[in-house]
Amino acid sequence: MTEIAVVHGNYLAHGGGEVVAERLAETFDAPLYYGFGDDDALPDSDTEHVSLFDDSPLARWKESPLVRDAFYAWAFQHVPELHEYDVLVQSGNEPGWYVPPDDQPVVKYVHSTPRAAYDRFPDKGGDPLVRAYAFTTRVLYAQNLAYPDVYVANSELIARRVRRYWGIDDVRVVYPPVPVDSYEVRPHDEREAFFFTFSRLDESKRIDEIVRAFADRDDRLVVGGDGPEADRLESMATDNVEFRGFLSESEKRDLLARAKGFVFAARNEDFGIVPVEALASGTPVVGVRDGYTRYQIHDGENGLLYDRGSEHLAAALDRLCESGVEWDAAAIAAGAEQYGEAAFTDGMREAVTEARERVRIEP
């Protein structure tokens, strides 16, 4: 039997990347290794989670991205406990520093290319520290790009970045797994008069844009999630905006099923699992014309697209309230089936099979 291990970057928070890493481990009944972690971010599951570096003296500074990334560039190169596996599946960029044994197949699942070094560099490259960090990342990381035998991207957008920034032409696309058949779907005329948004409350998710769009509207907005932007967002919100903080899975699903619409404004999103969960609930998504969001939404059919800016979002909300969308809830949910778990499982198993074939030598 082929022994497979999954190795992920961090378990310092629990987001979409961690969900994918866990499903990879479940797919292959494999242990899940990771760099630094936080016990609060680890899921309650049967998967074996193994920290590689939490016993390091540098673990006390693991919350610092600069220290963490510099340490990973050094430490991930040589990880003897990973050498024993027949196949290694990498989740994210941090394990990309790993140098595999000559005959060990490696599958690399790319959530995104390093953002500050590539797609966000035009916005942030004016900062000398960002410029130095990005340049160092681009120069050093490029040396390891030949090691994976099979590249898998989480969307067509990320596949394009892998080709553009890394020069890897052969890239598979396997969408992150979403249990699309497990969400409650209510007809639109049975929904309640509120909109919902949910994500980690950090700057890149642009929840401030959403909050401003709801200033003094008659519609209510429910905001789920927590993060460093929470206090600032609450201070700018009007009375029709309600912050729920951390939501359990059942609470999130209940709000998705009851909401009139889901609002999503993240900057240049790589994929976006929560918008897919909204679609699987039959809920129209009002999303920014940016990143992969613009491809998940068919404007006027399963949701509405808007150009960046609170005033444009407010206009899109007006359109949804006045005219709705063409597809009913059942059709919206059916359109989300392409993002289901079975497609993920099949796609990743095929990637591992291909990686094993690529390292085989026939004398």
Protein backbone atom coordinates (compact mmCIF):
# COMPACT_ATOMS: atom_id res chain seq x y z
CA MET A 1 0.00 0.00 0.00
CA THR A 2 1.27 3.45 -0.88
CA GLU A 3 2.14 5.50 2.19
CA ILE A 4 1.13 9.14 1.66
CA ALA A 5 1.67 12.18 3.88
CA VAL A 6 0.14 15.63 3.60
CA VAL A 7 2.20 18.64 4.69
CA HIS A 8 0.64 22.07 5.21
CA GLY A 9 2.12 25.45 6.11
CA ASN A 10 0.58 26.73 9.36
CA TYR A 11 -2.18 25.92 11.78
CA LEU A 12 -2.24 29.40 13.33
CA ALA A 13 -5.81 29.98 12.13
CA HIS A 14 -8.48 27.80 10.62
CA GLY A 15 -9.48 28.97 7.16
CA GLY A 16 -10.01 27.63 3.68
CA GLY A 17 -6.44 26.38 3.29
CA GLU A 18 -6.72 24.32 6.45
CA VAL A 19 -10.06 22.87 5.32
CA VAL A 20 -8.42 21.73 2.08
CA ALA A 21 -5.42 20.26 3.92
CA GLU A 22 -7.73 18.28 6.19
CA ARG A 23 -9.71 16.94 3.26
CA LEU A 24 -6.46 15.93 1.55
CA ALA A 25 -5.50 13.95 4.63
CA GLU A 26 -8.94 12.33 4.76
CA THR A 27 -8.85 11.48 1.05
CA PHE A 28 -5.62 9.53 1.43
CA ASP A 29 -6.09 8.42 5.06
CA ALA A 30 -2.80 10.21 5.65
CA PRO A 31 -1.15 12.05 8.55
CA LEU A 32 -1.17 15.84 8.28
CA TYR A 33 2.13 17.54 9.08
CA TYR A 34 2.40 21.30 9.52
CA GLY A 35 4.97 23.90 10.55
CA PHE A 36 3.90 26.05 13.46
CA GLY A 37 0.45 25.69 14.98
CA ASP A 38 -2.01 26.81 17.59
CA ASP A 39 -4.07 24.25 19.49
CA ASP A 40 -7.19 26.43 19.12
CA ALA A 41 -6.91 26.23 15.32
CA LEU A 42 -6.65 22.44 15.17
CA PRO A 43 -9.90 20.68 14.27
CA ASP A 44 -11.54 17.96 16.31
CA SER A 45 -11.08 15.12 13.85
CA ASP A 46 -9.64 11.64 13.48
CA THR A 47 -6.79 12.92 11.29
CA GLU A 48 -3.34 12.69 12.86
CA HIS A 49 -1.96 16.25 13.08
CA VAL A 50 1.80 16.54 13.64
CA SER A 51 3.64 19.81 14.24
CA LEU A 52 7.13 19.87 12.78
CA PHE A 53 8.55 22.96 14.46
CA ASP A 54 6.55 23.91 17.57
CA ASP A 55 9.39 22.59 19.73
CA SER A 56 11.81 25.03 18.09
CA PRO A 57 13.06 27.99 20.17
CA LEU A 58 11.76 30.25 17.38
CA ALA A 59 8.20 29.05 17.98
CA ARG A 60 7.75 31.93 20.42
CA TRP A 61 7.89 34.31 17.41
CA LYS A 62 5.68 32.22 15.13
CA GLU A 63 3.05 34.98 14.89
CA SER A 64 5.58 37.19 13.06
CA PRO A 65 5.26 36.53 9.29
CA LEU A 66 8.84 37.69 8.68
CA VAL A 67 10.39 35.43 11.31
CA ARG A 68 8.13 32.55 10.36
CA ASP A 69 8.85 32.74 6.63
CA ALA A 70 12.59 33.07 7.17
CA PHE A 71 12.58 30.06 9.49
CA TYR A 72 10.53 27.97 7.07
CA ALA A 73 12.95 28.72 4.22
CA TRP A 74 15.63 27.15 6.38
CA ALA A 75 13.82 24.42 8.31
CA PHE A 76 11.47 23.00 5.66
CA GLN A 77 14.42 22.14 3.39
CA HIS A 78 15.38 19.08 5.40
CA VAL A 79 12.60 17.22 7.22
CA PRO A 80 13.74 13.60 7.69
CA GLU A 81 10.35 12.39 8.99
CA LEU A 82 8.85 13.18 5.59
CA HIS A 83 11.47 11.20 3.66
CA GLU A 84 9.94 7.84 4.59
CA TYR A 85 6.68 8.36 2.69
CA ASP A 86 6.05 7.01 -0.80
CA VAL A 87 4.23 10.19 -1.88
CA LEU A 88 4.14 13.68 -0.40
CA VAL A 89 1.21 16.03 -1.00
CA GLN A 90 2.03 19.67 -0.23
CA SER A 91 -0.69 22.16 0.71
CA GLY A 92 0.34 25.79 0.30
CA ASN A 93 3.68 27.44 -0.37
CA GLU A 94 5.60 27.01 2.88
CA PRO A 95 6.35 23.29 2.35
CA GLY A 96 7.71 24.21 -1.09
CA TRP A 97 11.16 24.74 0.48
CA TYR A 98 11.32 20.97 1.08
CA VAL A 99 13.95 19.07 -0.94
CA PRO A 100 12.57 15.57 -1.59
CA PRO A 101 14.53 12.34 -1.94
CA ASP A 102 15.33 11.56 -5.55
CA ASP A 103 12.53 9.02 -6.02
CA GLN A 104 9.80 10.56 -3.84
CA PRO A 105 6.82 11.84 -5.88
CA VAL A 106 5.53 15.27 -4.82
CA VAL A 107 2.12 16.78 -5.59
CA LYS A 108 1.84 20.51 -4.87
CA TYR A 109 -1.62 21.96 -4.23
CA VAL A 110 -1.39 25.73 -4.77
CA HIS A 111 -3.88 27.93 -2.92
CA SER A 112 -2.09 31.00 -4.31
CA THR A 113 1.35 32.11 -5.37
CA PRO A 114 2.99 34.30 -2.62
CA ARG A 115 0.76 37.35 -2.70
CA ALA A 116 3.07 40.16 -1.60
CA ALA A 117 5.67 38.99 -4.11
CA TYR A 118 3.32 38.74 -7.08
CA ASP A 119 -0.34 39.74 -7.46
CA ARG A 120 -0.37 42.29 -4.61
CA PHE A 121 3.08 43.67 -5.38
CA PRO A 122 1.83 46.46 -7.71
CA ASP A 123 -0.17 47.87 -4.76
CA LYS A 124 2.36 47.27 -2.00
CA GLY A 125 5.73 47.45 -3.77
CA GLY A 126 6.24 51.11 -2.92
CA ASP A 127 7.16 50.07 0.62
CA PRO A 128 10.94 49.37 0.70
CA LEU A 129 10.51 46.51 3.18
CA VAL A 130 7.82 44.88 1.05
CA ARG A 131 9.99 45.32 -2.02
CA ALA A 132 12.97 43.65 -0.34
CA TYR A 133 10.81 40.82 0.99
CA ALA A 134 9.13 40.26 -2.39
CA PHE A 135 12.42 40.28 -4.30
CA THR A 136 14.01 37.81 -1.89
CA THR A 137 10.98 35.53 -2.11
CA ARG A 138 10.91 35.58 -5.90
CA VAL A 139 14.63 34.88 -6.26
CA LEU A 140 15.00 32.18 -3.60
CA TYR A 141 11.71 30.33 -4.01
CA ALA A 142 12.26 29.90 -7.74
CA GLN A 143 15.06 27.43 -7.00
CA ASN A 144 12.56 24.91 -5.62
CA LEU A 145 9.88 25.08 -8.30
CA ALA A 146 11.24 22.07 -10.18
CA TYR A 147 10.74 19.64 -7.28
CA PRO A 148 6.97 18.95 -7.50
CA ASP A 149 6.03 16.33 -10.09
CA VAL A 150 2.43 17.52 -10.42
CA TYR A 151 1.06 21.02 -9.81
CA VAL A 152 -2.59 21.42 -8.81
CA ALA A 153 -4.24 24.86 -8.55
CA ASN A 154 -7.44 25.59 -6.66
CA SER A 155 -8.93 27.62 -9.54
CA GLU A 156 -8.28 28.70 -13.10
CA LEU A 157 -7.14 32.06 -11.73
CA ILE A 158 -4.40 30.47 -9.62
CA ALA A 159 -3.43 28.18 -12.52
CA ARG A 160 -2.84 31.30 -14.60
CA ARG A 161 -0.67 32.81 -11.85
CA VAL A 162 1.36 29.58 -11.61
CA ARG A 163 1.99 29.72 -15.35
CA ARG A 164 2.70 33.47 -15.39
CA TYR A 165 4.82 33.88 -12.28
CA TRP A 166 6.45 30.46 -11.95
CA GLY A 167 6.66 29.35 -15.58
CA ILE A 168 4.90 26.02 -14.89
CA ASP A 169 2.85 25.19 -17.98
CA ASP A 170 1.31 21.89 -16.88
CA VAL A 171 -1.15 22.76 -14.11
CA ARG A 172 -4.25 20.82 -13.10
CA VAL A 173 -7.27 22.62 -11.61
CA VAL A 174 -9.03 20.90 -8.70
CA TYR A 175 -11.50 23.08 -6.83
CA PRO A 176 -11.51 23.02 -3.02
CA PRO A 177 -14.06 20.55 -1.65
CA VAL A 178 -17.42 21.93 -0.54
CA PRO A 179 -20.17 19.55 0.67
CA VAL A 180 -22.63 21.24 -1.68
CA ASP A 181 -25.39 18.66 -1.23
CA SER A 182 -25.60 19.17 2.53
CA TYR A 183 -26.93 22.76 2.64
CA GLU A 184 -30.52 23.74 3.27
CA VAL A 185 -32.14 25.42 0.27
CA ARG A 186 -35.18 27.65 0.85
CA PRO A 187 -37.20 29.41 -1.87
CA HIS A 188 -36.36 33.08 -2.21
CA ASP A 189 -39.85 34.16 -1.19
CA GLU A 190 -39.36 32.45 2.18
CA ARG A 191 -36.16 34.36 3.00
CA GLU A 192 -35.87 37.03 5.66
CA ALA A 193 -35.10 40.70 5.07
CA PHE A 194 -31.39 40.67 5.83
CA PHE A 195 -28.10 40.20 3.99
CA PHE A 196 -25.22 38.13 5.32
CA THR A 197 -21.44 38.22 5.02
CA PHE A 198 -18.94 35.93 6.70
CA SER A 199 -15.16 35.80 6.71
CA ARG A 200 -12.12 36.49 8.81
CA LEU A 201 -12.27 40.19 9.60
CA ASP A 202 -8.97 41.34 8.16
CA GLU A 203 -8.09 44.10 5.72
CA SER A 204 -7.94 41.93 2.61
CA LYS A 205 -11.57 40.84 2.98
CA ARG A 206 -12.79 44.44 2.59
CA ILE A 207 -15.65 44.14 5.06
CA ASP A 208 -15.35 47.91 5.50
CA GLU A 209 -16.60 48.33 1.94
CA ILE A 210 -19.65 46.24 2.77
CA VAL A 211 -20.35 48.05 6.05
CA ARG A 212 -20.20 51.45 4.32
CA ALA A 213 -22.60 50.27 1.62
CA PHE A 214 -25.18 49.48 4.31
CA ALA A 215 -24.92 52.86 6.04
CA ASP A 216 -28.50 53.91 6.91
CA ARG A 217 -30.11 51.43 4.51
CA ASP A 218 -33.44 49.86 5.38
CA ASP A 219 -31.90 46.41 4.87
CA ARG A 220 -30.10 44.67 7.72
CA LEU A 221 -26.62 43.22 7.42
CA VAL A 222 -25.40 40.35 9.61
CA VAL A 223 -21.60 40.04 9.80
CA GLY A 224 -20.11 36.72 10.91
CA GLY A 225 -16.49 36.08 11.81
CA ASP A 226 -13.77 37.66 13.90
CA GLY A 227 -10.35 39.14 13.31
CA PRO A 228 -8.08 42.16 13.73
CA GLU A 229 -10.49 44.55 11.97
CA ALA A 230 -13.44 43.78 14.28
CA ASP A 231 -13.25 46.87 16.52
CA ARG A 232 -12.70 49.29 13.64
CA LEU A 233 -15.59 47.84 11.66
CA GLU A 234 -17.98 48.00 14.60
CA SER A 235 -17.05 51.63 15.22
CA MET A 236 -18.00 52.63 11.66
CA ALA A 237 -21.22 50.61 11.41
CA THR A 238 -24.73 52.02 11.59
CA ASP A 239 -27.51 50.47 13.66
CA ASN A 240 -28.70 48.14 10.88
CA VAL A 241 -25.39 46.22 10.92
CA GLU A 242 -25.12 43.37 13.43
CA PHE A 243 -21.81 41.70 14.30
CA ARG A 244 -22.18 38.07 15.43
CA GLY A 245 -18.48 37.25 15.91
CA PHE A 246 -17.42 33.61 15.70
CA LEU A 247 -20.11 31.38 14.21
CA SER A 248 -20.44 27.64 14.54
CA GLU A 249 -20.96 25.65 11.36
CA SER A 250 -24.66 25.21 12.15
CA GLU A 251 -25.11 28.95 12.81
CA LYS A 252 -23.40 29.84 9.54
CA ARG A 253 -25.55 27.40 7.58
CA ASP A 254 -28.72 28.70 9.20
CA LEU A 255 -27.91 32.30 8.24
CA LEU A 256 -27.01 31.27 4.68
CA ALA A 257 -30.38 29.55 4.31
CA ARG A 258 -32.40 32.47 5.71
CA ALA A 259 -30.59 35.44 4.13
CA LYS A 260 -31.94 37.39 1.17
CA GLY A 261 -28.42 37.49 -0.25
CA PHE A 262 -24.77 36.95 0.58
CA VAL A 263 -22.29 39.81 0.12
CA PHE A 264 -18.62 39.25 -0.73
CA ALA A 265 -15.98 41.92 -1.31
CA ALA A 266 -12.58 40.24 -0.74
CA ARG A 267 -9.65 41.66 -2.67
CA ASN A 268 -8.47 39.43 -5.53
CA GLU A 269 -9.80 36.27 -3.88
CA ASP A 270 -8.02 33.07 -4.94
CA PHE A 271 -11.15 30.92 -4.84
CA GLY A 272 -13.65 31.76 -2.09
CA ILE A 273 -15.24 28.81 -0.28
CA VAL A 274 -17.96 30.78 1.54
CA PRO A 275 -19.51 32.21 -1.67
CA VAL A 276 -19.78 28.61 -2.91
CA GLU A 277 -21.47 27.66 0.36
CA ALA A 278 -23.92 30.50 -0.21
CA LEU A 279 -24.65 29.31 -3.75
CA ALA A 280 -25.09 25.75 -2.46
CA SER A 281 -27.74 27.20 -0.13
CA GLY A 282 -29.54 28.71 -3.12
CA THR A 283 -28.60 32.20 -1.92
CA PRO A 284 -27.75 34.87 -4.52
CA VAL A 285 -24.25 36.32 -4.09
CA VAL A 286 -23.57 40.02 -4.54
CA GLY A 287 -19.84 39.96 -5.22
CA VAL A 288 -17.10 42.30 -6.34
CA ARG A 289 -15.89 42.05 -9.92
CA ASP A 290 -12.44 41.00 -8.75
CA GLY A 291 -10.34 37.85 -8.33
CA TYR A 292 -12.05 34.51 -8.78
CA THR A 293 -15.33 35.94 -7.46
CA ARG A 294 -16.08 37.36 -10.91
CA TYR A 295 -16.05 33.82 -12.34
CA GLN A 296 -18.16 32.19 -9.62
CA ILE A 297 -20.99 34.65 -10.20
CA HIS A 298 -22.97 34.74 -13.44
CA ASP A 299 -24.21 38.32 -13.34
CA GLY A 300 -27.99 38.51 -13.15
CA GLU A 301 -28.40 34.72 -12.90
CA ASN A 302 -27.02 33.34 -9.60
CA GLY A 303 -26.04 36.76 -8.23
CA LEU A 304 -24.85 40.22 -9.15
CA LEU A 305 -21.37 41.60 -9.80
CA TYR A 306 -20.35 45.14 -8.88
CA ASP A 307 -17.27 47.26 -9.49
CA ARG A 308 -15.10 48.00 -6.49
CA GLY A 309 -16.52 50.73 -4.20
CA SER A 310 -19.27 51.03 -1.58
CA GLU A 311 -21.43 53.16 -3.85
CA HIS A 312 -21.37 50.47 -6.56
CA LEU A 313 -22.17 47.79 -4.00
CA ALA A 314 -25.12 49.83 -2.73
CA ALA A 315 -26.44 50.09 -6.29
CA ALA A 316 -26.11 46.31 -6.74
CA LEU A 317 -28.03 45.74 -3.51
CA ASP A 318 -30.78 47.99 -4.84
CA ARG A 319 -30.90 45.93 -8.04
CA LEU A 320 -31.22 42.69 -6.11
CA CYS A 321 -33.99 44.07 -3.89
CA GLU A 322 -35.91 45.44 -6.87
CA SER A 323 -35.44 42.74 -9.51
CA GLY A 324 -33.88 39.68 -7.88
CA VAL A 325 -31.99 37.24 -10.13
CA GLU A 326 -33.07 34.97 -12.98
CA TRP A 327 -32.34 31.64 -11.29
CA ASP A 328 -34.48 30.33 -8.46
CA ALA A 329 -32.91 28.87 -5.31
CA ALA A 330 -32.87 25.30 -6.64
CA ALA A 331 -31.09 26.34 -9.85
CA ILE A 332 -28.51 28.38 -7.93
CA ALA A 333 -27.78 25.37 -5.70
CA ALA A 334 -27.53 23.05 -8.71
CA GLY A 335 -24.96 25.36 -10.29
CA ALA A 336 -22.68 24.87 -7.26
CA GLU A 337 -22.38 21.12 -7.82
CA GLN A 338 -19.17 21.54 -9.84
CA TYR A 339 -17.44 22.43 -6.56
CA GLY A 340 -18.48 19.21 -4.78
CA GLU A 341 -16.35 16.89 -2.69
CA ALA A 342 -16.39 13.97 -5.14
CA ALA A 343 -14.72 16.03 -7.86
CA PHE A 344 -12.00 17.04 -5.40
CA THR A 345 -11.36 13.46 -4.28
CA ASP A 346 -11.20 12.13 -7.83
CA GLY A 347 -8.98 14.97 -9.04
CA MET A 348 -6.44 14.59 -6.24
CA ARG A 349 -6.26 10.82 -6.56
CA GLU A 350 -5.55 11.23 -10.27
CA ALA A 351 -2.82 13.77 -9.45
CA VAL A 352 -1.11 11.34 -7.06
CA THR A 353 -1.31 8.52 -9.61
CA GLU A 354 0.26 10.77 -12.24
CA ALA A 355 3.04 11.86 -9.88
CA ARG A 356 3.95 8.24 -9.18
CA GLU A 357 4.08 7.51 -12.90
CA ARG A 358 6.38 10.47 -13.52
CA VAL A 359 9.08 9.23 -11.14
CA ARG A 360 8.96 5.64 -12.37
CA ILE A 361 11.92 4.52 -14.47
CA GLU A 362 11.54 1.65 -16.88
CA PRO A 363 15.00 0.09 -17.57
